[in-house]
Amino acid sequence: MAQATQILLNLSEGDRSAADRLMPLVYDEFRAVAARQLAGERRGYTLQPTELVHEAYLKLTNQARVQWKSRMHFLAIGAQVIRRILMDYARNRGRAKRGGGIARVELHEAIATTTQRTDDLEALGEALKQLAVLDPRQARIVEMRFVGGMTVDEIATATGLSKRTVEGEWAMARAWLRHELTRGTETKS
């Protein structure tokens, strides 16, 4: 862990070779996040965990303005990048298939490991964008917990917040997202 943090500090200082030394230290964790996100996709989904990891890693290590604080900080931001890549992919893939309307999405902790339809992923992404405008900290916590699969303790470490604060923010964000994601289905019923 300390080695990864030092390499990230070197990367923040402009050492481009640091990215090559970092990859072996974080690859397995990034691949686990990517695999978890892709596990429930239907057959024919052409994006593979390895491709997702490589694309996210390139985006992360090419950041000139980020001052990496730690390995956990890098992984937390990586979870956000993976979510955004998947959102873009789902949006592009589903654009022609989408017939409009709002899909009902059940939001609970197990959703990260269940089948996720393209519409559900897009609806969640849009709701997260709205949440980020209202409360950026809650949006980051949702991304770390839902996309990154991070525990409350890991999020607390990555954000510098107390465990109790993270738990409270996670509960409020879940309730707000549940309301937003079910709002469109109530008017249809």
C-alpha atoms as a PDB file:
ATOM      1  CA  MET A   1       0.000   0.000   0.000  1.00  0.00           C
ATOM      2  CA  ALA A   2       2.734   2.456   0.909  1.00  0.00           C
ATOM      3  CA  GLN A   3       4.519   1.628  -2.337  1.00  0.00           C
ATOM      4  CA  ALA A   4       1.376   2.399  -4.375  1.00  0.00           C
ATOM      5  CA  THR A   5       0.881   5.679  -2.508  1.00  0.00           C
ATOM      6  CA  GLN A   6       4.483   6.727  -3.191  1.00  0.00           C
ATOM      7  CA  ILE A   7       4.128   5.866  -6.872  1.00  0.00           C
ATOM      8  CA  LEU A   8       0.911   7.911  -7.018  1.00  0.00           C
ATOM      9  CA  LEU A   9       2.700  10.875  -5.460  1.00  0.00           C
ATOM     10  CA  ASN A  10       5.409  10.509  -8.119  1.00  0.00           C
ATOM     11  CA  LEU A  11       2.717  10.388 -10.799  1.00  0.00           C
ATOM     12  CA  SER A  12       1.150  13.568  -9.382  1.00  0.00           C
ATOM     13  CA  GLU A  13       4.549  15.240  -9.635  1.00  0.00           C
ATOM     14  CA  GLY A  14       4.710  14.437 -13.353  1.00  0.00           C
ATOM     15  CA  ASP A  15       6.702  11.184 -13.373  1.00  0.00           C
ATOM     16  CA  ARG A  16       5.048   9.464 -16.368  1.00  0.00           C
ATOM     17  CA  SER A  17       6.988   6.232 -15.775  1.00  0.00           C
ATOM     18  CA  ALA A  18       5.205   5.896 -12.429  1.00  0.00           C
ATOM     19  CA  ALA A  19       2.050   4.740 -14.245  1.00  0.00           C
ATOM     20  CA  ASP A  20       3.881   1.623 -15.458  1.00  0.00           C
ATOM     21  CA  ARG A  21       4.989   0.765 -11.922  1.00  0.00           C
ATOM     22  CA  LEU A  22       1.510   1.362 -10.507  1.00  0.00           C
ATOM     23  CA  MET A  23      -0.488  -0.926 -12.806  1.00  0.00           C
ATOM     24  CA  PRO A  24       0.625  -4.264 -11.287  1.00  0.00           C
ATOM     25  CA  LEU A  25      -0.179  -2.968  -7.790  1.00  0.00           C
ATOM     26  CA  VAL A  26      -3.798  -1.995  -8.503  1.00  0.00           C
ATOM     27  CA  TYR A  27      -4.771  -4.133 -11.500  1.00  0.00           C
ATOM     28  CA  ASP A  28      -6.515  -6.931  -9.586  1.00  0.00           C
ATOM     29  CA  GLU A  29      -8.658  -4.482  -7.608  1.00  0.00           C
ATOM     30  CA  PHE A  30      -9.660  -2.559 -10.742  1.00  0.00           C
ATOM     31  CA  ARG A  31     -10.446  -5.784 -12.585  1.00  0.00           C
ATOM     32  CA  ALA A  32     -12.652  -6.935  -9.697  1.00  0.00           C
ATOM     33  CA  VAL A  33     -14.648  -3.691  -9.893  1.00  0.00           C
ATOM     34  CA  ALA A  34     -14.987  -4.027 -13.674  1.00  0.00           C
ATOM     35  CA  ALA A  35     -15.966  -7.701 -13.483  1.00  0.00           C
ATOM     36  CA  ARG A  36     -18.561  -6.964 -10.802  1.00  0.00           C
ATOM     37  CA  GLN A  37     -20.127  -4.296 -12.987  1.00  0.00           C
ATOM     38  CA  LEU A  38     -20.171  -6.485 -16.086  1.00  0.00           C
ATOM     39  CA  ALA A  39     -21.237  -9.729 -14.396  1.00  0.00           C
ATOM     40  CA  GLY A  40     -24.955  -9.217 -14.820  1.00  0.00           C
ATOM     41  CA  GLU A  41     -24.948  -7.924 -18.370  1.00  0.00           C
ATOM     42  CA  ARG A  42     -26.798  -9.899 -21.019  1.00  0.00           C
ATOM     43  CA  ARG A  43     -25.045 -12.041 -23.579  1.00  0.00           C
ATOM     44  CA  GLY A  44     -23.526 -10.202 -26.480  1.00  0.00           C
ATOM     45  CA  TYR A  45     -22.147  -7.429 -24.281  1.00  0.00           C
ATOM     46  CA  THR A  46     -18.862  -6.877 -26.070  1.00  0.00           C
ATOM     47  CA  LEU A  47     -17.044  -4.874 -23.423  1.00  0.00           C
ATOM     48  CA  GLN A  48     -14.758  -7.097 -21.326  1.00  0.00           C
ATOM     49  CA  PRO A  49     -13.382  -6.398 -17.816  1.00  0.00           C
ATOM     50  CA  THR A  50      -9.814  -6.195 -19.131  1.00  0.00           C
ATOM     51  CA  GLU A  51     -10.778  -3.568 -21.722  1.00  0.00           C
ATOM     52  CA  LEU A  52     -12.690  -1.605 -19.123  1.00  0.00           C
ATOM     53  CA  VAL A  53      -9.733  -1.661 -16.723  1.00  0.00           C
ATOM     54  CA  HIS A  54      -7.284  -0.528 -19.393  1.00  0.00           C
ATOM     55  CA  GLU A  55      -9.503   2.320 -20.558  1.00  0.00           C
ATOM     56  CA  ALA A  56     -10.116   3.504 -16.996  1.00  0.00           C
ATOM     57  CA  TYR A  57      -6.443   3.195 -16.103  1.00  0.00           C
ATOM     58  CA  LEU A  58      -5.394   5.270 -19.122  1.00  0.00           C
ATOM     59  CA  LYS A  59      -7.890   7.986 -18.209  1.00  0.00           C
ATOM     60  CA  LEU A  60      -6.702   8.018 -14.607  1.00  0.00           C
ATOM     61  CA  THR A  61      -2.973   8.110 -15.271  1.00  0.00           C
ATOM     62  CA  ASN A  62      -3.290  10.798 -17.946  1.00  0.00           C
ATOM     63  CA  GLN A  63      -4.768  13.252 -15.460  1.00  0.00           C
ATOM     64  CA  ALA A  64      -2.472  16.231 -15.116  1.00  0.00           C
ATOM     65  CA  ARG A  65      -4.462  18.131 -12.490  1.00  0.00           C
ATOM     66  CA  VAL A  66      -5.083  15.376  -9.943  1.00  0.00           C
ATOM     67  CA  GLN A  67      -3.019  15.290  -6.794  1.00  0.00           C
ATOM     68  CA  TRP A  68      -3.275  11.644  -5.771  1.00  0.00           C
ATOM     69  CA  LYS A  69      -3.413  11.298  -1.990  1.00  0.00           C
ATOM     70  CA  SER A  70      -3.341   7.544  -1.576  1.00  0.00           C
ATOM     71  CA  ARG A  71      -4.097   4.190  -3.146  1.00  0.00           C
ATOM     72  CA  MET A  72      -7.656   4.386  -1.756  1.00  0.00           C
ATOM     73  CA  HIS A  73      -8.109   7.814  -3.359  1.00  0.00           C
ATOM     74  CA  PHE A  74      -6.944   6.408  -6.693  1.00  0.00           C
ATOM     75  CA  LEU A  75      -9.320   3.422  -6.395  1.00  0.00           C
ATOM     76  CA  ALA A  76     -12.245   5.664  -5.435  1.00  0.00           C
ATOM     77  CA  ILE A  77     -11.720   7.907  -8.444  1.00  0.00           C
ATOM     78  CA  GLY A  78     -11.178   4.788 -10.543  1.00  0.00           C
ATOM     79  CA  ALA A  79     -14.629   3.514  -9.557  1.00  0.00           C
ATOM     80  CA  GLN A  80     -16.104   6.802 -10.800  1.00  0.00           C
ATOM     81  CA  VAL A  81     -14.244   6.513 -14.085  1.00  0.00           C
ATOM     82  CA  ILE A  82     -15.413   2.916 -14.582  1.00  0.00           C
ATOM     83  CA  ARG A  83     -19.005   3.980 -13.950  1.00  0.00           C
ATOM     84  CA  ARG A  84     -18.711   6.796 -16.485  1.00  0.00           C
ATOM     85  CA  ILE A  85     -17.206   4.507 -19.120  1.00  0.00           C
ATOM     86  CA  LEU A  86     -20.018   2.009 -18.603  1.00  0.00           C
ATOM     87  CA  MET A  87     -22.595   4.793 -18.746  1.00  0.00           C
ATOM     88  CA  ASP A  88     -21.203   6.045 -22.045  1.00  0.00           C
ATOM     89  CA  TYR A  89     -21.066   2.531 -23.419  1.00  0.00           C
ATOM     90  CA  ALA A  90     -24.633   1.747 -22.331  1.00  0.00           C
ATOM     91  CA  ARG A  91     -25.915   5.056 -23.662  1.00  0.00           C
ATOM     92  CA  ASN A  92     -24.307   4.517 -27.048  1.00  0.00           C
ATOM     93  CA  ARG A  93     -25.329   0.872 -27.251  1.00  0.00           C
ATOM     94  CA  GLY A  94     -28.903   1.377 -26.125  1.00  0.00           C
ATOM     95  CA  ARG A  95     -29.679   4.603 -27.951  1.00  0.00           C
ATOM     96  CA  ALA A  96     -31.310   2.885 -30.925  1.00  0.00           C
ATOM     97  CA  LYS A  97     -33.064   0.248 -28.822  1.00  0.00           C
ATOM     98  CA  ARG A  98     -34.527   2.645 -26.273  1.00  0.00           C
ATOM     99  CA  GLY A  99     -38.215   3.274 -26.719  1.00  0.00           C
ATOM    100  CA  GLY A 100     -38.497   6.093 -24.206  1.00  0.00           C
ATOM    101  CA  GLY A 101     -40.099   6.100 -20.811  1.00  0.00           C
ATOM    102  CA  ILE A 102     -38.523   5.611 -17.452  1.00  0.00           C
ATOM    103  CA  ALA A 103     -37.499   2.170 -16.309  1.00  0.00           C
ATOM    104  CA  ARG A 104     -38.209   1.181 -12.731  1.00  0.00           C
ATOM    105  CA  VAL A 105     -35.027   0.509 -10.790  1.00  0.00           C
ATOM    106  CA  GLU A 106     -34.877  -1.053  -7.369  1.00  0.00           C
ATOM    107  CA  LEU A 107     -31.930   0.381  -5.483  1.00  0.00           C
ATOM    108  CA  HIS A 108     -30.455  -1.687  -2.696  1.00  0.00           C
ATOM    109  CA  GLU A 109     -27.015  -2.951  -1.838  1.00  0.00           C
ATOM    110  CA  ALA A 110     -27.388  -6.156  -3.860  1.00  0.00           C
ATOM    111  CA  ILE A 111     -28.019  -4.287  -7.112  1.00  0.00           C
ATOM    112  CA  ALA A 112     -24.308  -4.177  -7.860  1.00  0.00           C
ATOM    113  CA  THR A 113     -24.262  -7.938  -8.333  1.00  0.00           C
ATOM    114  CA  THR A 114     -27.621  -8.410 -10.059  1.00  0.00           C
ATOM    115  CA  THR A 115     -28.488  -8.152 -13.728  1.00  0.00           C
ATOM    116  CA  GLN A 116     -28.508  -4.537 -14.824  1.00  0.00           C
ATOM    117  CA  ARG A 117     -30.361  -3.517 -17.911  1.00  0.00           C
ATOM    118  CA  THR A 118     -29.045  -0.705 -20.071  1.00  0.00           C
ATOM    119  CA  ASP A 119     -32.047   1.450 -19.185  1.00  0.00           C
ATOM    120  CA  ASP A 120     -31.494   0.874 -15.457  1.00  0.00           C
ATOM    121  CA  LEU A 121     -27.864   1.873 -15.742  1.00  0.00           C
ATOM    122  CA  GLU A 122     -28.782   5.006 -17.661  1.00  0.00           C
ATOM    123  CA  ALA A 123     -31.525   5.929 -15.183  1.00  0.00           C
ATOM    124  CA  LEU A 124     -29.120   5.496 -12.296  1.00  0.00           C
ATOM    125  CA  GLY A 125     -26.478   7.559 -14.095  1.00  0.00           C
ATOM    126  CA  GLU A 126     -28.911  10.408 -14.676  1.00  0.00           C
ATOM    127  CA  ALA A 127     -30.065  10.289 -11.059  1.00  0.00           C
ATOM    128  CA  LEU A 128     -26.427  10.332  -9.883  1.00  0.00           C
ATOM    129  CA  LYS A 129     -25.783  13.423 -12.029  1.00  0.00           C
ATOM    130  CA  GLN A 130     -28.707  15.163 -10.339  1.00  0.00           C
ATOM    131  CA  LEU A 131     -27.478  14.061  -6.914  1.00  0.00           C
ATOM    132  CA  ALA A 132     -23.981  15.363  -7.714  1.00  0.00           C
ATOM    133  CA  VAL A 133     -25.463  18.814  -8.317  1.00  0.00           C
ATOM    134  CA  LEU A 134     -27.441  18.705  -5.057  1.00  0.00           C
ATOM    135  CA  ASP A 135     -24.841  16.985  -2.885  1.00  0.00           C
ATOM    136  CA  PRO A 136     -21.486  16.095  -4.473  1.00  0.00           C
ATOM    137  CA  ARG A 137     -20.281  14.279  -1.362  1.00  0.00           C
ATOM    138  CA  GLN A 138     -23.268  11.921  -1.335  1.00  0.00           C
ATOM    139  CA  ALA A 139     -22.811  11.259  -5.060  1.00  0.00           C
ATOM    140  CA  ARG A 140     -19.141  10.331  -4.497  1.00  0.00           C
ATOM    141  CA  ILE A 141     -20.111   8.002  -1.658  1.00  0.00           C
ATOM    142  CA  VAL A 142     -22.703   6.262  -3.847  1.00  0.00           C
ATOM    143  CA  GLU A 143     -20.152   5.819  -6.631  1.00  0.00           C
ATOM    144  CA  MET A 144     -17.545   4.411  -4.276  1.00  0.00           C
ATOM    145  CA  ARG A 145     -20.024   2.082  -2.580  1.00  0.00           C
ATOM    146  CA  PHE A 146     -22.120   1.023  -5.568  1.00  0.00           C
ATOM    147  CA  VAL A 147     -19.652   1.056  -8.438  1.00  0.00           C
ATOM    148  CA  GLY A 148     -16.396   0.605  -6.575  1.00  0.00           C
ATOM    149  CA  GLY A 149     -17.713  -1.965  -4.144  1.00  0.00           C
ATOM    150  CA  MET A 150     -15.910  -0.166  -1.326  1.00  0.00           C
ATOM    151  CA  THR A 151     -16.864  -0.728   2.305  1.00  0.00           C
ATOM    152  CA  VAL A 152     -17.949   2.086   4.581  1.00  0.00           C
ATOM    153  CA  ASP A 153     -14.550   1.949   6.301  1.00  0.00           C
ATOM    154  CA  GLU A 154     -12.714   2.196   2.963  1.00  0.00           C
ATOM    155  CA  ILE A 155     -14.860   5.161   1.913  1.00  0.00           C
ATOM    156  CA  ALA A 156     -14.201   6.861   5.231  1.00  0.00           C
ATOM    157  CA  THR A 157     -10.469   6.407   4.715  1.00  0.00           C
ATOM    158  CA  ALA A 158     -10.575   7.600   1.104  1.00  0.00           C
ATOM    159  CA  THR A 159     -12.663  10.689   1.867  1.00  0.00           C
ATOM    160  CA  GLY A 160     -11.335  11.601   5.294  1.00  0.00           C
ATOM    161  CA  LEU A 161     -14.857  11.400   6.759  1.00  0.00           C
ATOM    162  CA  SER A 162     -15.896   9.483   9.849  1.00  0.00           C
ATOM    163  CA  LYS A 163     -17.510   6.084   9.452  1.00  0.00           C
ATOM    164  CA  ARG A 164     -20.700   7.441  11.025  1.00  0.00           C
ATOM    165  CA  THR A 165     -20.849  10.343   8.547  1.00  0.00           C
ATOM    166  CA  VAL A 166     -20.371   7.989   5.598  1.00  0.00           C
ATOM    167  CA  GLU A 167     -23.139   5.697   6.898  1.00  0.00           C
ATOM    168  CA  GLY A 168     -25.526   8.647   7.278  1.00  0.00           C
ATOM    169  CA  GLU A 169     -24.712  10.098   3.866  1.00  0.00           C
ATOM    170  CA  TRP A 170     -25.067   6.642   2.259  1.00  0.00           C
ATOM    171  CA  ALA A 171     -28.526   6.185   3.854  1.00  0.00           C
ATOM    172  CA  MET A 172     -29.720   9.626   2.726  1.00  0.00           C
ATOM    173  CA  ALA A 173     -28.349   9.175  -0.793  1.00  0.00           C
ATOM    174  CA  ARG A 174     -30.001   5.746  -1.130  1.00  0.00           C
ATOM    175  CA  ALA A 175     -33.361   7.163  -0.045  1.00  0.00           C
ATOM    176  CA  TRP A 176     -33.070  10.105  -2.444  1.00  0.00           C
ATOM    177  CA  LEU A 177     -32.070   7.838  -5.352  1.00  0.00           C
ATOM    178  CA  ARG A 178     -34.885   5.391  -4.593  1.00  0.00           C
ATOM    179  CA  HIS A 179     -37.342   8.285  -4.707  1.00  0.00           C
ATOM    180  CA  GLU A 180     -35.914   9.650  -7.955  1.00  0.00           C
ATOM    181  CA  LEU A 181     -35.773   6.284  -9.687  1.00  0.00           C
ATOM    182  CA  THR A 182     -39.334   5.301  -8.758  1.00  0.00           C
ATOM    183  CA  ARG A 183     -40.907   8.719  -9.384  1.00  0.00           C
ATOM    184  CA  GLY A 184     -41.443   8.085 -13.122  1.00  0.00           C
ATOM    185  CA  THR A 185     -43.004   4.663 -12.577  1.00  0.00           C
ATOM    186  CA  GLU A 186     -45.614   5.962 -10.103  1.00  0.00           C
ATOM    187  CA  THR A 187     -47.123   8.267 -12.716  1.00  0.00           C
ATOM    188  CA  LYS A 188     -47.407   5.381 -15.213  1.00  0.00           C
ATOM    189  CA  SER A 189     -49.155   2.967 -12.821  1.00  0.00           C
END
